[in-house]
Amino acid sequence: MVVLGVWTIWQHCNDCVFNGRSPNIASALTMAGEEKCMWSMAGAKALASLPTLGEERI
């Protein structure tokens, strides 16, 4: 989870610096959710058990 967080921040920072995008926490969180899904499909089993952003917790 820590690596996913750092990776998301790194990507968002690069997007802001090199592509001129404005910092936006909502887009960073969306990107983190998408990355979590992709990492889970690629075999990161521990991430599959975590709730997705916006999911209701029971």
C-alpha atoms as a PDB file:
ATOM      1  CA  MET A   1       0.000   0.000   0.000  1.00  0.00           C
ATOM      2  CA  VAL A   2       2.863   2.379   0.801  1.00  0.00           C
ATOM      3  CA  VAL A   3       4.501   1.745  -2.561  1.00  0.00           C
ATOM      4  CA  LEU A   4       1.180   2.398  -4.313  1.00  0.00           C
ATOM      5  CA  GLY A   5       0.814   5.706  -2.453  1.00  0.00           C
ATOM      6  CA  VAL A   6       4.327   6.835  -3.275  1.00  0.00           C
ATOM      7  CA  TRP A   7       3.916   5.764  -6.913  1.00  0.00           C
ATOM      8  CA  THR A   8       0.659   7.742  -7.211  1.00  0.00           C
ATOM      9  CA  ILE A   9       2.191  10.881  -5.704  1.00  0.00           C
ATOM     10  CA  TRP A  10       5.225  10.527  -7.998  1.00  0.00           C
ATOM     11  CA  GLN A  11       3.036  10.197 -11.104  1.00  0.00           C
ATOM     12  CA  HIS A  12       0.805  13.110 -10.088  1.00  0.00           C
ATOM     13  CA  CYS A  13       3.817  15.313  -9.357  1.00  0.00           C
ATOM     14  CA  ASN A  14       5.352  14.495 -12.741  1.00  0.00           C
ATOM     15  CA  ASP A  15       2.033  15.216 -14.435  1.00  0.00           C
ATOM     16  CA  CYS A  16       1.923  18.639 -12.759  1.00  0.00           C
ATOM     17  CA  VAL A  17       5.555  19.499 -13.523  1.00  0.00           C
ATOM     18  CA  PHE A  18       5.924  18.168 -17.057  1.00  0.00           C
ATOM     19  CA  ASN A  19       2.373  18.428 -18.412  1.00  0.00           C
ATOM     20  CA  GLY A  20       1.385  21.687 -16.715  1.00  0.00           C
ATOM     21  CA  ARG A  21      -1.549  20.194 -14.818  1.00  0.00           C
ATOM     22  CA  SER A  22      -2.706  21.784 -11.575  1.00  0.00           C
ATOM     23  CA  PRO A  23      -2.307  19.789  -8.363  1.00  0.00           C
ATOM     24  CA  ASN A  24      -5.625  18.135  -7.547  1.00  0.00           C
ATOM     25  CA  ILE A  25      -6.146  15.707  -4.685  1.00  0.00           C
ATOM     26  CA  ALA A  26      -9.329  14.282  -6.227  1.00  0.00           C
ATOM     27  CA  SER A  27      -7.551  13.311  -9.437  1.00  0.00           C
ATOM     28  CA  ALA A  28      -4.648  11.839  -7.438  1.00  0.00           C
ATOM     29  CA  LEU A  29      -7.077   9.689  -5.427  1.00  0.00           C
ATOM     30  CA  THR A  30      -8.848   8.595  -8.605  1.00  0.00           C
ATOM     31  CA  MET A  31      -5.505   7.658 -10.125  1.00  0.00           C
ATOM     32  CA  ALA A  32      -4.641   5.697  -6.953  1.00  0.00           C
ATOM     33  CA  GLY A  33      -7.902   3.731  -7.229  1.00  0.00           C
ATOM     34  CA  GLU A  34      -7.239   2.923 -10.880  1.00  0.00           C
ATOM     35  CA  GLU A  35      -3.659   1.886 -10.119  1.00  0.00           C
ATOM     36  CA  LYS A  36      -4.882  -0.329  -7.250  1.00  0.00           C
ATOM     37  CA  CYS A  37      -7.209  -2.163  -9.639  1.00  0.00           C
ATOM     38  CA  MET A  38      -4.455  -2.611 -12.224  1.00  0.00           C
ATOM     39  CA  TRP A  39      -1.950  -3.797  -9.606  1.00  0.00           C
ATOM     40  CA  SER A  40      -4.529  -6.271  -8.262  1.00  0.00           C
ATOM     41  CA  MET A  41      -5.133  -7.665 -11.750  1.00  0.00           C
ATOM     42  CA  ALA A  42      -1.355  -7.979 -12.179  1.00  0.00           C
ATOM     43  CA  GLY A  43      -1.102 -10.154  -9.067  1.00  0.00           C
ATOM     44  CA  ALA A  44      -0.797  -7.866  -6.029  1.00  0.00           C
ATOM     45  CA  LYS A  45      -2.973 -10.083  -3.830  1.00  0.00           C
ATOM     46  CA  ALA A  46      -2.826  -7.915  -0.700  1.00  0.00           C
ATOM     47  CA  LEU A  47      -4.320  -4.940  -2.551  1.00  0.00           C
ATOM     48  CA  ALA A  48      -7.313  -6.960  -3.766  1.00  0.00           C
ATOM     49  CA  SER A  49      -8.695  -7.171  -0.223  1.00  0.00           C
ATOM     50  CA  LEU A  50      -8.659  -3.387   0.305  1.00  0.00           C
ATOM     51  CA  PRO A  51     -11.820  -1.398  -0.443  1.00  0.00           C
ATOM     52  CA  THR A  52     -11.869   0.787  -3.535  1.00  0.00           C
ATOM     53  CA  LEU A  53     -12.224   4.536  -3.013  1.00  0.00           C
ATOM     54  CA  GLY A  54     -15.896   5.417  -2.899  1.00  0.00           C
ATOM     55  CA  GLU A  55     -16.981   1.904  -1.894  1.00  0.00           C
ATOM     56  CA  GLU A  56     -19.315   1.630   1.044  1.00  0.00           C
ATOM     57  CA  ARG A  57     -17.855  -0.147   4.039  1.00  0.00           C
ATOM     58  CA  ILE A  58     -20.120  -2.596   5.822  1.00  0.00           C
END
